[in-house]
Amino acid sequence: MRRRAVKALIALFPLLLALPVHADWQLDPAQSQVQASITQLNGAAPQTHHHQIRDLQGTVSSDGTLRLPLKLSQTDVLERFSELPPWIGLLANTTLVTLVAQMPPEQLDNLDIGESLVETLEFRVESDMVNQQESVPLRFTREGLNEIRVTHAEPMAIDGKVLMENSTVRTVLSMLGYQEIDENVPVTLNALLVNR
């Protein structure tokens, strides 16, 4: 009886090895950023300013859950002020929102080097202040054995009205001098997923 059990385990071992193992991917903060172009309308003439969210630190777990927390300290906003109110310093390293999406992890694992995949992800915003969901078409391109570049598959823009409806975002934008902004806020994503 014991021999049969051992033989059964030995027979199952190659099958277990053959099952796909999904790697946990994570964003490389040094090579992952978003740029947004905001057009200010409350001046003599419209002026477009470029802002950056850098050091993106998201992960894709083995079940395909992509989580991307965003903090004020990741933006270039704080660099534009010589003096800041104390509450901004407290808020700087607090996660303001977390973007969450689901994707089949095997699609990333199965990409060959140089091969691309376009996948539309349904991002939802996890926050006490915002309840929003957005479809975002992304292009995943395998650049190396453990590296996948992530960019937008088509031009993307955020609704400026939605930004101004968020009290925290509106406060920060007001501090930067934005009282009124264009509805169209173009966004560019350039990120690198790594498996270490």
C-alpha atoms as a PDB file:
ATOM      1  CA  MET A   1       0.000   0.000   0.000  1.00  0.00           C
ATOM      2  CA  ARG A   2       2.783   2.350   0.937  1.00  0.00           C
ATOM      3  CA  ARG A   3       4.610   1.536  -2.322  1.00  0.00           C
ATOM      4  CA  ARG A   4       1.501   2.425  -4.335  1.00  0.00           C
ATOM      5  CA  ALA A   5       1.263   5.795  -2.579  1.00  0.00           C
ATOM      6  CA  VAL A   6       4.941   6.503  -3.289  1.00  0.00           C
ATOM      7  CA  LYS A   7       4.514   5.491  -6.958  1.00  0.00           C
ATOM      8  CA  ALA A   8       1.440   7.739  -7.240  1.00  0.00           C
ATOM      9  CA  LEU A   9       3.392  10.693  -5.810  1.00  0.00           C
ATOM     10  CA  ILE A  10       6.303  10.032  -8.162  1.00  0.00           C
ATOM     11  CA  ALA A  11       3.868   9.883 -11.096  1.00  0.00           C
ATOM     12  CA  LEU A  12       2.275  13.195 -10.028  1.00  0.00           C
ATOM     13  CA  PHE A  13       5.589  15.024  -9.601  1.00  0.00           C
ATOM     14  CA  PRO A  14       6.191  15.693 -13.351  1.00  0.00           C
ATOM     15  CA  LEU A  15       2.589  16.948 -13.634  1.00  0.00           C
ATOM     16  CA  LEU A  16       3.160  19.407 -10.800  1.00  0.00           C
ATOM     17  CA  LEU A  17       6.297  20.678 -12.514  1.00  0.00           C
ATOM     18  CA  ALA A  18       4.379  21.118 -15.756  1.00  0.00           C
ATOM     19  CA  LEU A  19       1.742  23.381 -14.170  1.00  0.00           C
ATOM     20  CA  PRO A  20       2.304  27.066 -15.024  1.00  0.00           C
ATOM     21  CA  VAL A  21       3.879  29.080 -12.247  1.00  0.00           C
ATOM     22  CA  HIS A  22       2.799  32.704 -12.311  1.00  0.00           C
ATOM     23  CA  ALA A  23       5.503  35.110 -11.255  1.00  0.00           C
ATOM     24  CA  ASP A  24       4.762  38.095  -9.068  1.00  0.00           C
ATOM     25  CA  TRP A  25       5.556  41.196 -11.119  1.00  0.00           C
ATOM     26  CA  GLN A  26       6.264  44.615  -9.643  1.00  0.00           C
ATOM     27  CA  LEU A  27       6.885  48.069 -11.054  1.00  0.00           C
ATOM     28  CA  ASP A  28      10.470  49.314 -11.062  1.00  0.00           C
ATOM     29  CA  PRO A  29      10.036  52.727  -9.337  1.00  0.00           C
ATOM     30  CA  ALA A  30      13.132  54.197 -11.031  1.00  0.00           C
ATOM     31  CA  GLN A  31      11.671  53.497 -14.476  1.00  0.00           C
ATOM     32  CA  SER A  32       7.930  53.974 -13.895  1.00  0.00           C
ATOM     33  CA  GLN A  33       6.171  57.314 -14.186  1.00  0.00           C
ATOM     34  CA  VAL A  34       3.076  59.107 -15.458  1.00  0.00           C
ATOM     35  CA  GLN A  35       3.074  62.551 -17.045  1.00  0.00           C
ATOM     36  CA  ALA A  36      -0.039  64.747 -17.096  1.00  0.00           C
ATOM     37  CA  SER A  37      -0.522  67.969 -19.062  1.00  0.00           C
ATOM     38  CA  ILE A  38      -2.857  70.429 -17.331  1.00  0.00           C
ATOM     39  CA  THR A  39      -4.121  73.490 -19.202  1.00  0.00           C
ATOM     40  CA  GLN A  40      -4.842  76.425 -16.906  1.00  0.00           C
ATOM     41  CA  LEU A  41      -7.836  78.489 -18.038  1.00  0.00           C
ATOM     42  CA  ASN A  42      -7.992  81.148 -15.309  1.00  0.00           C
ATOM     43  CA  GLY A  43      -5.328  83.448 -16.806  1.00  0.00           C
ATOM     44  CA  ALA A  44      -5.167  85.973 -19.661  1.00  0.00           C
ATOM     45  CA  ALA A  45      -4.568  83.065 -22.053  1.00  0.00           C
ATOM     46  CA  PRO A  46      -4.643  79.267 -21.608  1.00  0.00           C
ATOM     47  CA  GLN A  47      -1.311  77.886 -20.407  1.00  0.00           C
ATOM     48  CA  THR A  48      -0.336  74.204 -20.425  1.00  0.00           C
ATOM     49  CA  HIS A  49       1.894  72.859 -17.652  1.00  0.00           C
ATOM     50  CA  HIS A  50       3.410  69.379 -17.426  1.00  0.00           C
ATOM     51  CA  HIS A  51       3.401  67.445 -14.151  1.00  0.00           C
ATOM     52  CA  GLN A  52       4.868  64.084 -13.273  1.00  0.00           C
ATOM     53  CA  ILE A  53       4.027  61.223 -10.923  1.00  0.00           C
ATOM     54  CA  ARG A  54       7.218  59.213 -10.517  1.00  0.00           C
ATOM     55  CA  ASP A  55       8.439  56.255  -8.482  1.00  0.00           C
ATOM     56  CA  LEU A  56       5.320  54.194  -9.216  1.00  0.00           C
ATOM     57  CA  GLN A  57       5.323  51.183  -6.875  1.00  0.00           C
ATOM     58  CA  GLY A  58       2.633  48.794  -8.039  1.00  0.00           C
ATOM     59  CA  THR A  59       2.528  45.004  -7.971  1.00  0.00           C
ATOM     60  CA  VAL A  60       0.811  42.259  -9.946  1.00  0.00           C
ATOM     61  CA  SER A  61       0.170  39.322  -7.626  1.00  0.00           C
ATOM     62  CA  SER A  62       0.029  35.675  -8.699  1.00  0.00           C
ATOM     63  CA  ASP A  63      -3.778  35.891  -8.922  1.00  0.00           C
ATOM     64  CA  GLY A  64      -3.519  38.817 -11.381  1.00  0.00           C
ATOM     65  CA  THR A  65      -4.441  41.672  -9.029  1.00  0.00           C
ATOM     66  CA  LEU A  66      -2.639  44.870 -10.007  1.00  0.00           C
ATOM     67  CA  ARG A  67      -2.400  47.393  -7.135  1.00  0.00           C
ATOM     68  CA  LEU A  68      -0.949  50.858  -7.646  1.00  0.00           C
ATOM     69  CA  PRO A  69      -0.910  53.150  -4.563  1.00  0.00           C
ATOM     70  CA  LEU A  70      -0.376  56.873  -5.234  1.00  0.00           C
ATOM     71  CA  LYS A  71       1.053  59.417  -2.773  1.00  0.00           C
ATOM     72  CA  LEU A  72       1.478  63.182  -2.977  1.00  0.00           C
ATOM     73  CA  SER A  73       5.248  62.744  -2.443  1.00  0.00           C
ATOM     74  CA  GLN A  74       5.450  60.950  -5.803  1.00  0.00           C
ATOM     75  CA  THR A  75       4.368  64.083  -7.653  1.00  0.00           C
ATOM     76  CA  ASP A  76       6.471  67.107  -8.577  1.00  0.00           C
ATOM     77  CA  VAL A  77       3.954  69.335  -6.774  1.00  0.00           C
ATOM     78  CA  LEU A  78       5.901  69.649  -3.515  1.00  0.00           C
ATOM     79  CA  GLU A  79       9.050  70.788  -5.358  1.00  0.00           C
ATOM     80  CA  ARG A  80       7.214  73.881  -6.622  1.00  0.00           C
ATOM     81  CA  PHE A  81       6.894  75.412  -3.150  1.00  0.00           C
ATOM     82  CA  SER A  82       9.596  76.888  -0.949  1.00  0.00           C
ATOM     83  CA  GLU A  83       7.394  76.753   2.163  1.00  0.00           C
ATOM     84  CA  LEU A  84       4.558  74.342   2.793  1.00  0.00           C
ATOM     85  CA  PRO A  85       1.864  74.214   5.458  1.00  0.00           C
ATOM     86  CA  PRO A  86       2.576  71.504   8.081  1.00  0.00           C
ATOM     87  CA  TRP A  87      -0.501  69.479   7.063  1.00  0.00           C
ATOM     88  CA  ILE A  88       0.943  69.012   3.568  1.00  0.00           C
ATOM     89  CA  GLY A  89       4.027  67.382   5.096  1.00  0.00           C
ATOM     90  CA  LEU A  90       1.811  64.974   7.029  1.00  0.00           C
ATOM     91  CA  LEU A  91      -0.198  64.199   3.901  1.00  0.00           C
ATOM     92  CA  ALA A  92       2.831  63.769   1.620  1.00  0.00           C
ATOM     93  CA  ASN A  93       3.527  60.097   2.389  1.00  0.00           C
ATOM     94  CA  THR A  94      -0.054  59.060   2.954  1.00  0.00           C
ATOM     95  CA  THR A  95      -1.609  56.940   0.202  1.00  0.00           C
ATOM     96  CA  LEU A  96      -4.257  59.197  -1.353  1.00  0.00           C
ATOM     97  CA  VAL A  97      -5.738  56.601  -3.693  1.00  0.00           C
ATOM     98  CA  THR A  98      -4.949  53.058  -4.804  1.00  0.00           C
ATOM     99  CA  LEU A  99      -5.688  51.998  -8.370  1.00  0.00           C
ATOM    100  CA  VAL A 100      -6.741  48.344  -8.599  1.00  0.00           C
ATOM    101  CA  ALA A 101      -7.267  46.188 -11.696  1.00  0.00           C
ATOM    102  CA  GLN A 102      -7.447  42.504 -12.562  1.00  0.00           C
ATOM    103  CA  MET A 103      -5.670  40.727 -15.406  1.00  0.00           C
ATOM    104  CA  PRO A 104      -4.780  37.121 -16.259  1.00  0.00           C
ATOM    105  CA  PRO A 105      -1.151  36.798 -15.023  1.00  0.00           C
ATOM    106  CA  GLU A 106      -0.417  33.953 -17.441  1.00  0.00           C
ATOM    107  CA  GLN A 107      -0.661  36.447 -20.303  1.00  0.00           C
ATOM    108  CA  LEU A 108       2.365  38.285 -18.942  1.00  0.00           C
ATOM    109  CA  ASP A 109       4.249  35.064 -18.230  1.00  0.00           C
ATOM    110  CA  ASN A 110       3.617  33.733 -21.752  1.00  0.00           C
ATOM    111  CA  LEU A 111       4.926  36.779 -23.633  1.00  0.00           C
ATOM    112  CA  ASP A 112       8.068  36.120 -25.686  1.00  0.00           C
ATOM    113  CA  ILE A 113      10.871  38.714 -25.780  1.00  0.00           C
ATOM    114  CA  GLY A 114       9.886  41.437 -28.262  1.00  0.00           C
ATOM    115  CA  GLU A 115       6.233  40.362 -28.236  1.00  0.00           C
ATOM    116  CA  SER A 116       3.430  42.776 -27.259  1.00  0.00           C
ATOM    117  CA  LEU A 117      -0.033  42.303 -25.847  1.00  0.00           C
ATOM    118  CA  VAL A 118      -2.811  44.900 -25.661  1.00  0.00           C
ATOM    119  CA  GLU A 119      -5.214  44.419 -22.765  1.00  0.00           C
ATOM    120  CA  THR A 120      -7.997  46.754 -21.617  1.00  0.00           C
ATOM    121  CA  LEU A 121      -7.974  46.817 -17.824  1.00  0.00           C
ATOM    122  CA  GLU A 122     -10.855  48.010 -15.669  1.00  0.00           C
ATOM    123  CA  PHE A 123      -9.224  50.215 -13.041  1.00  0.00           C
ATOM    124  CA  ARG A 124     -11.165  51.098  -9.943  1.00  0.00           C
ATOM    125  CA  VAL A 125     -10.095  53.748  -7.484  1.00  0.00           C
ATOM    126  CA  GLU A 126      -9.884  52.671  -3.839  1.00  0.00           C
ATOM    127  CA  SER A 127     -10.371  55.787  -1.753  1.00  0.00           C
ATOM    128  CA  ASP A 128     -12.736  57.245   0.846  1.00  0.00           C
ATOM    129  CA  MET A 129     -13.189  60.308  -1.370  1.00  0.00           C
ATOM    130  CA  VAL A 130     -13.504  58.836  -4.862  1.00  0.00           C
ATOM    131  CA  ASN A 131     -15.648  56.073  -6.301  1.00  0.00           C
ATOM    132  CA  GLN A 132     -14.661  55.746  -9.918  1.00  0.00           C
ATOM    133  CA  GLN A 133     -13.951  53.082 -12.514  1.00  0.00           C
ATOM    134  CA  GLU A 134     -12.120  53.556 -15.799  1.00  0.00           C
ATOM    135  CA  SER A 135     -11.279  51.288 -18.756  1.00  0.00           C
ATOM    136  CA  VAL A 136      -7.645  51.739 -19.786  1.00  0.00           C
ATOM    137  CA  PRO A 137      -6.143  49.989 -22.839  1.00  0.00           C
ATOM    138  CA  LEU A 138      -2.504  49.146 -22.032  1.00  0.00           C
ATOM    139  CA  ARG A 139       0.282  47.681 -24.136  1.00  0.00           C
ATOM    140  CA  PHE A 140       2.580  45.146 -22.432  1.00  0.00           C
ATOM    141  CA  THR A 141       5.860  44.526 -24.294  1.00  0.00           C
ATOM    142  CA  ARG A 142       8.410  41.981 -23.082  1.00  0.00           C
ATOM    143  CA  GLU A 143      11.841  43.631 -23.243  1.00  0.00           C
ATOM    144  CA  GLY A 144      13.786  40.940 -21.421  1.00  0.00           C
ATOM    145  CA  LEU A 145      13.423  37.690 -19.540  1.00  0.00           C
ATOM    146  CA  ASN A 146      12.284  39.540 -16.397  1.00  0.00           C
ATOM    147  CA  GLU A 147      11.192  42.908 -17.855  1.00  0.00           C
ATOM    148  CA  ILE A 148       7.897  44.036 -19.392  1.00  0.00           C
ATOM    149  CA  ARG A 149       7.335  47.633 -20.572  1.00  0.00           C
ATOM    150  CA  VAL A 150       3.848  49.061 -19.953  1.00  0.00           C
ATOM    151  CA  THR A 151       2.515  51.986 -22.008  1.00  0.00           C
ATOM    152  CA  HIS A 152      -0.874  53.258 -23.164  1.00  0.00           C
ATOM    153  CA  ALA A 153      -2.187  51.405 -26.195  1.00  0.00           C
ATOM    154  CA  GLU A 154      -3.921  54.599 -27.368  1.00  0.00           C
ATOM    155  CA  PRO A 155      -3.959  58.272 -26.308  1.00  0.00           C
ATOM    156  CA  MET A 156      -5.523  58.758 -22.891  1.00  0.00           C
ATOM    157  CA  ALA A 157      -6.926  61.732 -21.020  1.00  0.00           C
ATOM    158  CA  ILE A 158      -8.440  62.294 -17.592  1.00  0.00           C
ATOM    159  CA  ASP A 159     -11.597  64.357 -17.213  1.00  0.00           C
ATOM    160  CA  GLY A 160     -10.588  67.682 -15.655  1.00  0.00           C
ATOM    161  CA  LYS A 161     -14.053  68.126 -14.133  1.00  0.00           C
ATOM    162  CA  VAL A 162     -13.676  64.827 -12.256  1.00  0.00           C
ATOM    163  CA  LEU A 163     -10.263  65.949 -10.942  1.00  0.00           C
ATOM    164  CA  MET A 164     -11.727  69.198  -9.621  1.00  0.00           C
ATOM    165  CA  GLU A 165     -14.570  67.322  -7.903  1.00  0.00           C
ATOM    166  CA  ASN A 166     -12.038  65.586  -5.630  1.00  0.00           C
ATOM    167  CA  SER A 167     -11.554  67.969  -2.676  1.00  0.00           C
ATOM    168  CA  THR A 168      -7.931  66.919  -2.002  1.00  0.00           C
ATOM    169  CA  VAL A 169      -6.911  67.199  -5.656  1.00  0.00           C
ATOM    170  CA  ARG A 170      -8.755  70.532  -5.977  1.00  0.00           C
ATOM    171  CA  THR A 171      -6.910  71.903  -2.908  1.00  0.00           C
ATOM    172  CA  VAL A 172      -3.520  70.896  -4.300  1.00  0.00           C
ATOM    173  CA  LEU A 173      -4.354  72.292  -7.754  1.00  0.00           C
ATOM    174  CA  SER A 174      -5.554  75.549  -6.176  1.00  0.00           C
ATOM    175  CA  MET A 175      -2.232  75.859  -4.323  1.00  0.00           C
ATOM    176  CA  LEU A 176      -0.544  75.571  -7.716  1.00  0.00           C
ATOM    177  CA  GLY A 177      -2.714  78.391  -9.067  1.00  0.00           C
ATOM    178  CA  TYR A 178      -5.237  76.256 -10.958  1.00  0.00           C
ATOM    179  CA  GLN A 179      -8.693  77.679 -10.318  1.00  0.00           C
ATOM    180  CA  GLU A 180     -10.092  76.433 -13.609  1.00  0.00           C
ATOM    181  CA  ILE A 181      -8.606  73.744 -15.862  1.00  0.00           C
ATOM    182  CA  ASP A 182      -9.414  72.315 -19.277  1.00  0.00           C
ATOM    183  CA  GLU A 183     -11.688  69.254 -19.332  1.00  0.00           C
ATOM    184  CA  ASN A 184      -9.044  67.332 -21.282  1.00  0.00           C
ATOM    185  CA  VAL A 185      -5.951  66.350 -19.238  1.00  0.00           C
ATOM    186  CA  PRO A 186      -3.704  64.165 -21.463  1.00  0.00           C
ATOM    187  CA  VAL A 187      -1.813  61.463 -19.587  1.00  0.00           C
ATOM    188  CA  THR A 188       1.239  59.452 -20.669  1.00  0.00           C
ATOM    189  CA  LEU A 189       2.311  56.255 -18.899  1.00  0.00           C
ATOM    190  CA  ASN A 190       5.764  54.724 -19.196  1.00  0.00           C
ATOM    191  CA  ALA A 191       6.401  51.939 -16.685  1.00  0.00           C
ATOM    192  CA  LEU A 192       8.559  48.832 -16.329  1.00  0.00           C
ATOM    193  CA  LEU A 193       7.340  45.630 -14.691  1.00  0.00           C
ATOM    194  CA  VAL A 194      10.121  43.457 -13.321  1.00  0.00           C
ATOM    195  CA  ASN A 195      10.224  39.952 -11.855  1.00  0.00           C
ATOM    196  CA  ARG A 196      13.094  39.643  -9.384  1.00  0.00           C
END
